[in-house]
């Protein structure tokens, strides 16, 4: 496994990160794995040299963080791990147990640390933009959390480029800890981030950790699964553009068959080698699926293959910001 700097920071992260939304409690969603079923996947990631593990407080309402802490922390010294989590989404029916208010920021970090069983988070990310809280309130609170030692670096996830740049501008103007990473929705069938967000990240030296690099399995040739049938986000992101998306998936199949490799390897390879990308976040439900992600790092796509993969794409509405 190779390791690269996360943006302009000195933090080294593996060229793949393990997305941990799949781990937690099946009571939250039928496709989620409990601690016992999650263990082989986490162990496979450790064996592959992955050091970046990305979760969120809202995954299984905290159970994902608990599983990660229970299974992962005994396997590697804490200093060898890059633990990433996120905040914003509701954690209960309490109106203050959500969003990016100063109150919720402080309570969220303490909850995340307790569930993970650690005294600091390497990368803490805004899961979404909060339209109901003044941005300066959020950024001031995040800075205090960093200065307290509970968080090493700050990141953000899907939002508009103008929102992200406005936040960075405020941080610089006030001497607050800056965002060093962005986690966008990005894959061969959703490339809208190429218009503004990825050029912004390149310009400002921000690391990029794309989520859903296989488009929830579509780019691996899997349109039907327990998750696709029960995860409302799958339908929201990909159902309306099914015909267009299937054309892109067909292009992936063409390149994969010519190479004699699984479709997933080609789709991962494309994402991992796009400008600005630091490390795709891989979410899997079986340990053997990790091999495709790891093998993709050895694939060098030709210009002709890239052209074939990108040709069917057509612009589409922004998706994944809520």
C-alpha atoms as a PDB file:
ATOM      1  CA  UNK A   1       0.000   0.000   0.000  1.00  0.00           C
ATOM      2  CA  UNK A   2       1.250   3.466  -0.887  1.00  0.00           C
ATOM      3  CA  UNK A   3       0.673   6.473   1.352  1.00  0.00           C
ATOM      4  CA  UNK A   4       0.205  10.079   0.294  1.00  0.00           C
ATOM      5  CA  UNK A   5      -0.204  13.426   2.005  1.00  0.00           C
ATOM      6  CA  UNK A   6      -3.743  14.544   2.702  1.00  0.00           C
ATOM      7  CA  UNK A   7      -3.820  17.816   0.807  1.00  0.00           C
ATOM      8  CA  UNK A   8      -1.180  20.253   1.991  1.00  0.00           C
ATOM      9  CA  UNK A   9      -0.885  18.611   5.399  1.00  0.00           C
ATOM     10  CA  UNK A  10       1.879  16.324   6.575  1.00  0.00           C
ATOM     11  CA  UNK A  11      -0.675  13.610   7.397  1.00  0.00           C
ATOM     12  CA  UNK A  12      -0.046  10.415   5.418  1.00  0.00           C
ATOM     13  CA  UNK A  13      -3.077   8.396   4.374  1.00  0.00           C
ATOM     14  CA  UNK A  14      -3.358   5.156   2.436  1.00  0.00           C
ATOM     15  CA  UNK A  15      -4.369   5.440  -1.228  1.00  0.00           C
ATOM     16  CA  UNK A  16      -7.648   3.791  -0.257  1.00  0.00           C
ATOM     17  CA  UNK A  17      -9.808   4.501   2.766  1.00  0.00           C
ATOM     18  CA  UNK A  18     -12.336   2.113   4.267  1.00  0.00           C
ATOM     19  CA  UNK A  19     -15.824   3.593   4.425  1.00  0.00           C
ATOM     20  CA  UNK A  20     -17.576   2.306   7.533  1.00  0.00           C
ATOM     21  CA  UNK A  21     -21.256   3.031   6.902  1.00  0.00           C
ATOM     22  CA  UNK A  22     -21.727  -0.727   6.426  1.00  0.00           C
ATOM     23  CA  UNK A  23     -20.707  -1.418  10.031  1.00  0.00           C
ATOM     24  CA  UNK A  24     -22.993  -0.960  13.012  1.00  0.00           C
ATOM     25  CA  UNK A  25     -26.438  -2.373  13.671  1.00  0.00           C
ATOM     26  CA  UNK A  26     -28.759  -4.262  11.282  1.00  0.00           C
ATOM     27  CA  UNK A  27     -31.607  -2.645  13.213  1.00  0.00           C
ATOM     28  CA  UNK A  28     -30.667   0.644  11.515  1.00  0.00           C
ATOM     29  CA  UNK A  29     -30.691  -0.853   7.999  1.00  0.00           C
ATOM     30  CA  UNK A  30     -30.872  -4.461   6.764  1.00  0.00           C
ATOM     31  CA  UNK A  31     -27.582  -4.199   4.850  1.00  0.00           C
ATOM     32  CA  UNK A  32     -25.565  -3.113   7.911  1.00  0.00           C
ATOM     33  CA  UNK A  33     -23.223  -5.635   9.585  1.00  0.00           C
ATOM     34  CA  UNK A  34     -22.795  -6.079  13.316  1.00  0.00           C
ATOM     35  CA  UNK A  35     -19.410  -6.255  15.042  1.00  0.00           C
ATOM     36  CA  UNK A  36     -18.901  -9.968  14.416  1.00  0.00           C
ATOM     37  CA  UNK A  37     -19.693  -9.721  10.696  1.00  0.00           C
ATOM     38  CA  UNK A  38     -17.673  -6.501  10.351  1.00  0.00           C
ATOM     39  CA  UNK A  39     -14.519  -7.957  11.879  1.00  0.00           C
ATOM     40  CA  UNK A  40     -13.236  -9.894   8.801  1.00  0.00           C
ATOM     41  CA  UNK A  41     -13.602  -6.792   6.611  1.00  0.00           C
ATOM     42  CA  UNK A  42     -11.788  -4.524   9.052  1.00  0.00           C
ATOM     43  CA  UNK A  43      -9.056  -7.149   9.467  1.00  0.00           C
ATOM     44  CA  UNK A  44      -8.682  -7.434   5.671  1.00  0.00           C
ATOM     45  CA  UNK A  45      -8.293  -3.657   5.436  1.00  0.00           C
ATOM     46  CA  UNK A  46      -5.601  -3.669   8.121  1.00  0.00           C
ATOM     47  CA  UNK A  47      -3.797  -6.530   6.360  1.00  0.00           C
ATOM     48  CA  UNK A  48      -3.924  -4.564   3.085  1.00  0.00           C
ATOM     49  CA  UNK A  49      -2.176  -1.619   4.726  1.00  0.00           C
ATOM     50  CA  UNK A  50      -5.170   0.715   4.870  1.00  0.00           C
ATOM     51  CA  UNK A  51      -4.767   3.251   7.670  1.00  0.00           C
ATOM     52  CA  UNK A  52      -7.694   5.573   6.864  1.00  0.00           C
ATOM     53  CA  UNK A  53     -11.054   4.544   8.339  1.00  0.00           C
ATOM     54  CA  UNK A  54     -14.013   6.839   7.719  1.00  0.00           C
ATOM     55  CA  UNK A  55     -17.242   6.725   9.720  1.00  0.00           C
ATOM     56  CA  UNK A  56     -19.886   9.178  10.986  1.00  0.00           C
ATOM     57  CA  UNK A  57     -21.870   9.619  14.161  1.00  0.00           C
ATOM     58  CA  UNK A  58     -25.168   9.076  12.327  1.00  0.00           C
ATOM     59  CA  UNK A  59     -24.207   5.690  10.858  1.00  0.00           C
ATOM     60  CA  UNK A  60     -26.405   3.290  12.830  1.00  0.00           C
ATOM     61  CA  UNK A  61     -26.951   6.175  15.268  1.00  0.00           C
ATOM     62  CA  UNK A  62     -23.468   5.775  16.718  1.00  0.00           C
ATOM     63  CA  UNK A  63     -23.106   2.000  16.463  1.00  0.00           C
ATOM     64  CA  UNK A  64     -20.688   2.270  13.518  1.00  0.00           C
ATOM     65  CA  UNK A  65     -18.266   4.245  15.677  1.00  0.00           C
ATOM     66  CA  UNK A  66     -18.700   1.716  18.477  1.00  0.00           C
ATOM     67  CA  UNK A  67     -17.960  -1.232  16.179  1.00  0.00           C
ATOM     68  CA  UNK A  68     -14.923   0.502  14.721  1.00  0.00           C
ATOM     69  CA  UNK A  69     -13.548   1.246  18.163  1.00  0.00           C
ATOM     70  CA  UNK A  70     -14.219  -2.275  19.403  1.00  0.00           C
ATOM     71  CA  UNK A  71     -12.768  -4.116  16.410  1.00  0.00           C
ATOM     72  CA  UNK A  72     -10.059  -1.820  15.025  1.00  0.00           C
ATOM     73  CA  UNK A  73      -8.334  -0.197  17.978  1.00  0.00           C
ATOM     74  CA  UNK A  74      -7.043  -3.466  19.488  1.00  0.00           C
ATOM     75  CA  UNK A  75      -5.428  -4.404  16.161  1.00  0.00           C
ATOM     76  CA  UNK A  76      -3.121  -1.426  15.579  1.00  0.00           C
ATOM     77  CA  UNK A  77      -1.423   1.158  17.796  1.00  0.00           C
ATOM     78  CA  UNK A  78      -3.477   4.367  17.828  1.00  0.00           C
ATOM     79  CA  UNK A  79      -0.644   6.375  16.255  1.00  0.00           C
ATOM     80  CA  UNK A  80      -0.768   4.147  13.153  1.00  0.00           C
ATOM     81  CA  UNK A  81      -4.443   4.860  12.513  1.00  0.00           C
ATOM     82  CA  UNK A  82      -6.135   7.767  10.784  1.00  0.00           C
ATOM     83  CA  UNK A  83      -9.643   7.796  12.242  1.00  0.00           C
ATOM     84  CA  UNK A  84     -12.163  10.027  10.479  1.00  0.00           C
ATOM     85  CA  UNK A  85     -15.722  10.757  11.527  1.00  0.00           C
ATOM     86  CA  UNK A  86     -18.445  13.263  10.699  1.00  0.00           C
ATOM     87  CA  UNK A  87     -21.192  15.296  12.346  1.00  0.00           C
ATOM     88  CA  UNK A  88     -24.375  17.128  11.309  1.00  0.00           C
ATOM     89  CA  UNK A  89     -27.195  14.600  10.880  1.00  0.00           C
ATOM     90  CA  UNK A  90     -29.806  13.941  13.608  1.00  0.00           C
ATOM     91  CA  UNK A  91     -28.736  11.612  16.391  1.00  0.00           C
ATOM     92  CA  UNK A  92     -32.136  11.618  18.135  1.00  0.00           C
ATOM     93  CA  UNK A  93     -35.487  13.400  18.052  1.00  0.00           C
ATOM     94  CA  UNK A  94     -34.085  16.248  20.158  1.00  0.00           C
ATOM     95  CA  UNK A  95     -34.007  19.420  18.012  1.00  0.00           C
ATOM     96  CA  UNK A  96     -30.550  20.312  19.338  1.00  0.00           C
ATOM     97  CA  UNK A  97     -29.106  16.843  18.732  1.00  0.00           C
ATOM     98  CA  UNK A  98     -28.289  17.671  15.114  1.00  0.00           C
ATOM     99  CA  UNK A  99     -26.828  20.384  12.914  1.00  0.00           C
ATOM    100  CA  UNK A 100     -23.691  22.447  13.416  1.00  0.00           C
ATOM    101  CA  UNK A 101     -24.514  24.726  16.340  1.00  0.00           C
ATOM    102  CA  UNK A 102     -21.844  25.398  18.933  1.00  0.00           C
ATOM    103  CA  UNK A 103     -23.839  23.284  21.385  1.00  0.00           C
ATOM    104  CA  UNK A 104     -24.045  20.312  19.046  1.00  0.00           C
ATOM    105  CA  UNK A 105     -20.405  20.564  17.927  1.00  0.00           C
ATOM    106  CA  UNK A 106     -19.158  20.262  21.510  1.00  0.00           C
ATOM    107  CA  UNK A 107     -21.574  17.471  22.402  1.00  0.00           C
ATOM    108  CA  UNK A 108     -20.897  15.601  19.164  1.00  0.00           C
ATOM    109  CA  UNK A 109     -17.146  15.397  19.593  1.00  0.00           C
ATOM    110  CA  UNK A 110     -17.484  14.041  23.125  1.00  0.00           C
ATOM    111  CA  UNK A 111     -19.994  11.434  21.953  1.00  0.00           C
ATOM    112  CA  UNK A 112     -17.814  10.344  19.050  1.00  0.00           C
ATOM    113  CA  UNK A 113     -14.715  10.023  21.228  1.00  0.00           C
ATOM    114  CA  UNK A 114     -16.604   7.962  23.793  1.00  0.00           C
ATOM    115  CA  UNK A 115     -18.067   5.606  21.186  1.00  0.00           C
ATOM    116  CA  UNK A 116     -14.739   5.108  19.411  1.00  0.00           C
ATOM    117  CA  UNK A 117     -12.853   4.685  22.671  1.00  0.00           C
ATOM    118  CA  UNK A 118     -10.138   7.206  21.849  1.00  0.00           C
ATOM    119  CA  UNK A 119      -9.151  10.648  23.097  1.00  0.00           C
ATOM    120  CA  UNK A 120      -8.784  12.315  19.696  1.00  0.00           C
ATOM    121  CA  UNK A 121     -10.031  12.150  16.107  1.00  0.00           C
ATOM    122  CA  UNK A 122      -7.551  12.546  13.260  1.00  0.00           C
ATOM    123  CA  UNK A 123     -10.057  13.997  10.781  1.00  0.00           C
ATOM    124  CA  UNK A 124     -13.428  15.439  11.804  1.00  0.00           C
ATOM    125  CA  UNK A 125     -15.711  16.406   8.945  1.00  0.00           C
ATOM    126  CA  UNK A 126     -18.923  18.350   8.420  1.00  0.00           C
ATOM    127  CA  UNK A 127     -21.304  15.793   6.923  1.00  0.00           C
ATOM    128  CA  UNK A 128     -23.359  18.485   5.221  1.00  0.00           C
ATOM    129  CA  UNK A 129     -23.802  22.267   5.177  1.00  0.00           C
ATOM    130  CA  UNK A 130     -26.085  23.649   7.886  1.00  0.00           C
ATOM    131  CA  UNK A 131     -28.404  26.324   6.511  1.00  0.00           C
ATOM    132  CA  UNK A 132     -29.897  27.005   9.957  1.00  0.00           C
ATOM    133  CA  UNK A 133     -26.693  27.921  11.813  1.00  0.00           C
ATOM    134  CA  UNK A 134     -24.440  30.936  11.128  1.00  0.00           C
ATOM    135  CA  UNK A 135     -21.287  29.668   9.452  1.00  0.00           C
ATOM    136  CA  UNK A 136     -19.042  31.687  11.767  1.00  0.00           C
ATOM    137  CA  UNK A 137     -20.625  29.993  14.806  1.00  0.00           C
ATOM    138  CA  UNK A 138     -19.757  26.564  13.417  1.00  0.00           C
ATOM    139  CA  UNK A 139     -16.229  27.490  12.371  1.00  0.00           C
ATOM    140  CA  UNK A 140     -15.422  29.174  15.686  1.00  0.00           C
ATOM    141  CA  UNK A 141     -16.614  26.068  17.560  1.00  0.00           C
ATOM    142  CA  UNK A 142     -14.626  23.739  15.299  1.00  0.00           C
ATOM    143  CA  UNK A 143     -11.507  25.817  15.903  1.00  0.00           C
ATOM    144  CA  UNK A 144     -11.994  25.492  19.658  1.00  0.00           C
ATOM    145  CA  UNK A 145     -12.322  21.713  19.335  1.00  0.00           C
ATOM    146  CA  UNK A 146      -9.054  21.547  17.384  1.00  0.00           C
ATOM    147  CA  UNK A 147      -7.240  23.796  19.865  1.00  0.00           C
ATOM    148  CA  UNK A 148      -8.491  21.594  22.700  1.00  0.00           C
ATOM    149  CA  UNK A 149      -6.599  18.636  21.199  1.00  0.00           C
ATOM    150  CA  UNK A 150      -9.689  16.522  20.576  1.00  0.00           C
ATOM    151  CA  UNK A 151      -9.364  16.853  16.782  1.00  0.00           C
ATOM    152  CA  UNK A 152      -6.206  16.962  14.667  1.00  0.00           C
ATOM    153  CA  UNK A 153      -7.600  18.062  11.271  1.00  0.00           C
ATOM    154  CA  UNK A 154     -10.897  19.367   9.890  1.00  0.00           C
ATOM    155  CA  UNK A 155     -12.675  18.332   6.714  1.00  0.00           C
ATOM    156  CA  UNK A 156     -16.052  18.693   5.023  1.00  0.00           C
ATOM    157  CA  UNK A 157     -18.329  16.644   2.818  1.00  0.00           C
ATOM    158  CA  UNK A 158     -20.790  17.298   0.004  1.00  0.00           C
ATOM    159  CA  UNK A 159     -21.686  20.961  -0.383  1.00  0.00           C
ATOM    160  CA  UNK A 160     -21.422  23.649  -3.049  1.00  0.00           C
ATOM    161  CA  UNK A 161     -17.987  25.006  -3.898  1.00  0.00           C
ATOM    162  CA  UNK A 162     -18.984  28.562  -2.964  1.00  0.00           C
ATOM    163  CA  UNK A 163     -19.985  27.359   0.511  1.00  0.00           C
ATOM    164  CA  UNK A 164     -16.710  25.541   1.004  1.00  0.00           C
ATOM    165  CA  UNK A 165     -14.607  28.488  -0.197  1.00  0.00           C
ATOM    166  CA  UNK A 166     -16.609  30.926   1.951  1.00  0.00           C
ATOM    167  CA  UNK A 167     -15.840  28.759   4.974  1.00  0.00           C
ATOM    168  CA  UNK A 168     -12.138  28.541   4.151  1.00  0.00           C
ATOM    169  CA  UNK A 169     -12.047  32.308   3.650  1.00  0.00           C
ATOM    170  CA  UNK A 170     -13.582  32.875   7.085  1.00  0.00           C
ATOM    171  CA  UNK A 171     -11.125  30.470   8.664  1.00  0.00           C
ATOM    172  CA  UNK A 172      -8.163  32.265   7.108  1.00  0.00           C
ATOM    173  CA  UNK A 173      -9.461  35.720   8.025  1.00  0.00           C
ATOM    174  CA  UNK A 174      -9.891  34.740  11.679  1.00  0.00           C
ATOM    175  CA  UNK A 175      -6.839  32.524  12.074  1.00  0.00           C
ATOM    176  CA  UNK A 176      -9.039  29.492  12.711  1.00  0.00           C
ATOM    177  CA  UNK A 177      -8.081  25.903  11.910  1.00  0.00           C
ATOM    178  CA  UNK A 178      -8.792  25.320   8.211  1.00  0.00           C
ATOM    179  CA  UNK A 179     -10.506  22.528   6.334  1.00  0.00           C
ATOM    180  CA  UNK A 180      -7.869  20.272   4.802  1.00  0.00           C
ATOM    181  CA  UNK A 181     -10.108  17.767   3.023  1.00  0.00           C
ATOM    182  CA  UNK A 182     -13.339  17.443   1.056  1.00  0.00           C
ATOM    183  CA  UNK A 183     -15.429  14.282   0.779  1.00  0.00           C
ATOM    184  CA  UNK A 184     -17.590  14.617  -2.360  1.00  0.00           C
ATOM    185  CA  UNK A 185     -19.950  12.326  -4.228  1.00  0.00           C
ATOM    186  CA  UNK A 186     -17.824  11.373  -7.244  1.00  0.00           C
ATOM    187  CA  UNK A 187     -17.698   8.455  -9.664  1.00  0.00           C
ATOM    188  CA  UNK A 188     -17.998   7.738 -13.375  1.00  0.00           C
ATOM    189  CA  UNK A 189     -21.750   8.270 -13.407  1.00  0.00           C
ATOM    190  CA  UNK A 190     -21.694  11.386 -11.211  1.00  0.00           C
ATOM    191  CA  UNK A 191     -18.992  13.827 -12.250  1.00  0.00           C
ATOM    192  CA  UNK A 192     -20.556  17.201 -11.462  1.00  0.00           C
ATOM    193  CA  UNK A 193     -17.816  17.885  -8.889  1.00  0.00           C
ATOM    194  CA  UNK A 194     -15.420  18.379 -11.808  1.00  0.00           C
ATOM    195  CA  UNK A 195     -17.048  21.730 -12.589  1.00  0.00           C
ATOM    196  CA  UNK A 196     -16.099  23.667  -9.448  1.00  0.00           C
ATOM    197  CA  UNK A 197     -15.277  21.591  -6.366  1.00  0.00           C
ATOM    198  CA  UNK A 198     -12.330  19.588  -7.668  1.00  0.00           C
ATOM    199  CA  UNK A 199     -10.636  22.619  -9.311  1.00  0.00           C
ATOM    200  CA  UNK A 200     -11.131  24.473  -6.023  1.00  0.00           C
ATOM    201  CA  UNK A 201      -9.499  21.653  -4.067  1.00  0.00           C
ATOM    202  CA  UNK A 202      -6.562  21.590  -6.486  1.00  0.00           C
ATOM    203  CA  UNK A 203      -6.141  25.343  -6.211  1.00  0.00           C
ATOM    204  CA  UNK A 204      -6.287  25.436  -2.416  1.00  0.00           C
ATOM    205  CA  UNK A 205      -4.358  22.230  -1.705  1.00  0.00           C
ATOM    206  CA  UNK A 206      -7.327  20.403  -0.211  1.00  0.00           C
ATOM    207  CA  UNK A 207      -7.286  16.596  -0.141  1.00  0.00           C
ATOM    208  CA  UNK A 208     -10.223  14.788  -1.772  1.00  0.00           C
ATOM    209  CA  UNK A 209     -11.778  11.584  -0.413  1.00  0.00           C
ATOM    210  CA  UNK A 210     -14.649  10.661  -2.767  1.00  0.00           C
ATOM    211  CA  UNK A 211     -17.569   8.606  -1.501  1.00  0.00           C
ATOM    212  CA  UNK A 212     -19.468   5.975  -3.493  1.00  0.00           C
ATOM    213  CA  UNK A 213     -16.733   5.346  -6.103  1.00  0.00           C
ATOM    214  CA  UNK A 214     -18.763   2.390  -7.470  1.00  0.00           C
ATOM    215  CA  UNK A 215     -22.066   4.312  -7.410  1.00  0.00           C
ATOM    216  CA  UNK A 216     -23.519   1.917  -4.834  1.00  0.00           C
ATOM    217  CA  UNK A 217     -22.533  -1.079  -6.972  1.00  0.00           C
ATOM    218  CA  UNK A 218     -23.848   0.119 -10.343  1.00  0.00           C
ATOM    219  CA  UNK A 219     -20.311   0.414 -11.726  1.00  0.00           C
ATOM    220  CA  UNK A 220     -19.550  -3.105 -10.527  1.00  0.00           C
ATOM    221  CA  UNK A 221     -22.445  -4.405 -12.614  1.00  0.00           C
ATOM    222  CA  UNK A 222     -24.816  -4.808  -9.659  1.00  0.00           C
ATOM    223  CA  UNK A 223     -28.139  -3.018  -9.989  1.00  0.00           C
ATOM    224  CA  UNK A 224     -29.983  -5.234  -7.522  1.00  0.00           C
ATOM    225  CA  UNK A 225     -28.979  -5.930  -3.924  1.00  0.00           C
ATOM    226  CA  UNK A 226     -30.430  -5.713  -0.437  1.00  0.00           C
ATOM    227  CA  UNK A 227     -28.963  -2.236  -0.149  1.00  0.00           C
ATOM    228  CA  UNK A 228     -30.210  -0.995  -3.515  1.00  0.00           C
ATOM    229  CA  UNK A 229     -33.713  -2.141  -2.599  1.00  0.00           C
ATOM    230  CA  UNK A 230     -33.750  -0.650   0.905  1.00  0.00           C
ATOM    231  CA  UNK A 231     -31.377   2.344   0.863  1.00  0.00           C
ATOM    232  CA  UNK A 232     -33.404   5.383  -0.150  1.00  0.00           C
ATOM    233  CA  UNK A 233     -30.242   7.258  -1.105  1.00  0.00           C
ATOM    234  CA  UNK A 234     -29.516   4.767  -3.885  1.00  0.00           C
ATOM    235  CA  UNK A 235     -32.837   5.551  -5.509  1.00  0.00           C
ATOM    236  CA  UNK A 236     -32.417   9.294  -4.953  1.00  0.00           C
ATOM    237  CA  UNK A 237     -28.943   9.386  -6.506  1.00  0.00           C
ATOM    238  CA  UNK A 238     -29.238   6.991  -9.423  1.00  0.00           C
ATOM    239  CA  UNK A 239     -32.786   5.890 -10.205  1.00  0.00           C
ATOM    240  CA  UNK A 240     -33.824   8.946 -12.246  1.00  0.00           C
ATOM    241  CA  UNK A 241     -30.820   8.659 -14.564  1.00  0.00           C
ATOM    242  CA  UNK A 242     -30.826   4.867 -14.902  1.00  0.00           C
ATOM    243  CA  UNK A 243     -30.663   4.776 -18.724  1.00  0.00           C
ATOM    244  CA  UNK A 244     -27.786   7.235 -18.846  1.00  0.00           C
ATOM    245  CA  UNK A 245     -25.983   5.510 -15.981  1.00  0.00           C
ATOM    246  CA  UNK A 246     -26.334   2.087 -17.587  1.00  0.00           C
ATOM    247  CA  UNK A 247     -24.559   3.424 -20.674  1.00  0.00           C
ATOM    248  CA  UNK A 248     -21.600   4.408 -18.499  1.00  0.00           C
ATOM    249  CA  UNK A 249     -21.666   1.007 -16.788  1.00  0.00           C
ATOM    250  CA  UNK A 250     -21.595  -0.633 -20.229  1.00  0.00           C
ATOM    251  CA  UNK A 251     -18.444   1.350 -21.046  1.00  0.00           C
ATOM    252  CA  UNK A 252     -16.846   0.119 -17.812  1.00  0.00           C
ATOM    253  CA  UNK A 253     -17.789  -3.440 -18.769  1.00  0.00           C
ATOM    254  CA  UNK A 254     -16.193  -3.001 -22.212  1.00  0.00           C
ATOM    255  CA  UNK A 255     -12.872  -1.828 -20.766  1.00  0.00           C
ATOM    256  CA  UNK A 256     -12.940  -4.453 -18.015  1.00  0.00           C
ATOM    257  CA  UNK A 257     -13.623  -7.333 -20.408  1.00  0.00           C
ATOM    258  CA  UNK A 258     -10.825  -6.199 -22.720  1.00  0.00           C
ATOM    259  CA  UNK A 259      -8.436  -6.232 -19.746  1.00  0.00           C
ATOM    260  CA  UNK A 260      -9.846  -9.424 -18.270  1.00  0.00           C
ATOM    261  CA  UNK A 261     -10.534  -7.828 -14.886  1.00  0.00           C
ATOM    262  CA  UNK A 262     -13.716  -7.186 -12.855  1.00  0.00           C
ATOM    263  CA  UNK A 263     -15.636  -4.003 -13.583  1.00  0.00           C
ATOM    264  CA  UNK A 264     -15.027  -2.747 -10.049  1.00  0.00           C
ATOM    265  CA  UNK A 265     -11.277  -2.589 -10.616  1.00  0.00           C
ATOM    266  CA  UNK A 266     -11.700  -0.345 -13.644  1.00  0.00           C
ATOM    267  CA  UNK A 267     -14.185   1.954 -11.888  1.00  0.00           C
ATOM    268  CA  UNK A 268     -11.928   2.261  -8.842  1.00  0.00           C
ATOM    269  CA  UNK A 269      -8.877   2.876 -11.029  1.00  0.00           C
ATOM    270  CA  UNK A 270     -10.592   5.731 -12.848  1.00  0.00           C
ATOM    271  CA  UNK A 271     -11.593   7.524  -9.643  1.00  0.00           C
ATOM    272  CA  UNK A 272      -8.239   7.021  -7.947  1.00  0.00           C
ATOM    273  CA  UNK A 273      -6.298   8.560 -10.822  1.00  0.00           C
ATOM    274  CA  UNK A 274      -8.415  11.651 -11.487  1.00  0.00           C
ATOM    275  CA  UNK A 275      -6.859  15.059 -10.755  1.00  0.00           C
ATOM    276  CA  UNK A 276      -7.189  16.183  -7.117  1.00  0.00           C
ATOM    277  CA  UNK A 277      -8.158  12.745  -5.761  1.00  0.00           C
ATOM    278  CA  UNK A 278      -6.292  11.605  -2.654  1.00  0.00           C
ATOM    279  CA  UNK A 279      -8.022   8.344  -1.726  1.00  0.00           C
ATOM    280  CA  UNK A 280     -11.394   6.853  -2.690  1.00  0.00           C
ATOM    281  CA  UNK A 281     -13.466   5.592   0.234  1.00  0.00           C
ATOM    282  CA  UNK A 282     -14.358   1.949  -0.273  1.00  0.00           C
ATOM    283  CA  UNK A 283     -17.529   0.611   1.326  1.00  0.00           C
ATOM    284  CA  UNK A 284     -17.867  -3.174   1.166  1.00  0.00           C
ATOM    285  CA  UNK A 285     -19.962  -5.907   2.752  1.00  0.00           C
ATOM    286  CA  UNK A 286     -17.606  -8.858   2.220  1.00  0.00           C
ATOM    287  CA  UNK A 287     -13.818  -9.000   2.769  1.00  0.00           C
ATOM    288  CA  UNK A 288     -13.101 -10.530  -0.652  1.00  0.00           C
ATOM    289  CA  UNK A 289     -14.489  -7.397  -2.337  1.00  0.00           C
ATOM    290  CA  UNK A 290     -11.576  -5.411  -0.941  1.00  0.00           C
ATOM    291  CA  UNK A 291      -9.208  -7.181  -3.332  1.00  0.00           C
ATOM    292  CA  UNK A 292     -10.727  -5.371  -6.325  1.00  0.00           C
ATOM    293  CA  UNK A 293     -10.108  -2.004  -4.709  1.00  0.00           C
ATOM    294  CA  UNK A 294      -6.518  -2.852  -3.830  1.00  0.00           C
ATOM    295  CA  UNK A 295      -5.821  -4.345  -7.275  1.00  0.00           C
ATOM    296  CA  UNK A 296      -7.141  -1.178  -8.941  1.00  0.00           C
ATOM    297  CA  UNK A 297      -4.165   0.771  -7.616  1.00  0.00           C
ATOM    298  CA  UNK A 298      -1.925  -1.185  -9.994  1.00  0.00           C
ATOM    299  CA  UNK A 299      -4.037  -0.383 -13.055  1.00  0.00           C
ATOM    300  CA  UNK A 300      -2.875   2.394 -15.369  1.00  0.00           C
ATOM    301  CA  UNK A 301      -5.684   3.281 -17.744  1.00  0.00           C
ATOM    302  CA  UNK A 302      -4.687   4.356 -21.236  1.00  0.00           C
ATOM    303  CA  UNK A 303      -5.924   7.592 -22.761  1.00  0.00           C
ATOM    304  CA  UNK A 304      -8.122   5.535 -25.067  1.00  0.00           C
ATOM    305  CA  UNK A 305      -9.650   3.635 -22.147  1.00  0.00           C
ATOM    306  CA  UNK A 306     -10.322   6.850 -20.242  1.00  0.00           C
ATOM    307  CA  UNK A 307     -12.005   8.299 -23.336  1.00  0.00           C
ATOM    308  CA  UNK A 308     -14.188   5.198 -23.621  1.00  0.00           C
ATOM    309  CA  UNK A 309     -15.173   5.390 -19.967  1.00  0.00           C
ATOM    310  CA  UNK A 310     -15.995   9.098 -20.034  1.00  0.00           C
ATOM    311  CA  UNK A 311     -17.721   9.333 -23.427  1.00  0.00           C
ATOM    312  CA  UNK A 312     -21.275   8.325 -22.341  1.00  0.00           C
ATOM    313  CA  UNK A 313     -21.463  10.905 -19.546  1.00  0.00           C
ATOM    314  CA  UNK A 314     -23.938  13.763 -19.760  1.00  0.00           C
ATOM    315  CA  UNK A 315     -24.439  16.585 -17.224  1.00  0.00           C
ATOM    316  CA  UNK A 316     -27.030  15.937 -14.532  1.00  0.00           C
ATOM    317  CA  UNK A 317     -28.540  17.777 -11.553  1.00  0.00           C
ATOM    318  CA  UNK A 318     -26.429  18.178  -8.452  1.00  0.00           C
ATOM    319  CA  UNK A 319     -27.055  15.256  -6.094  1.00  0.00           C
ATOM    320  CA  UNK A 320     -25.798  14.181  -2.689  1.00  0.00           C
ATOM    321  CA  UNK A 321     -25.757  17.549  -0.901  1.00  0.00           C
ATOM    322  CA  UNK A 322     -28.612  16.651   1.436  1.00  0.00           C
END
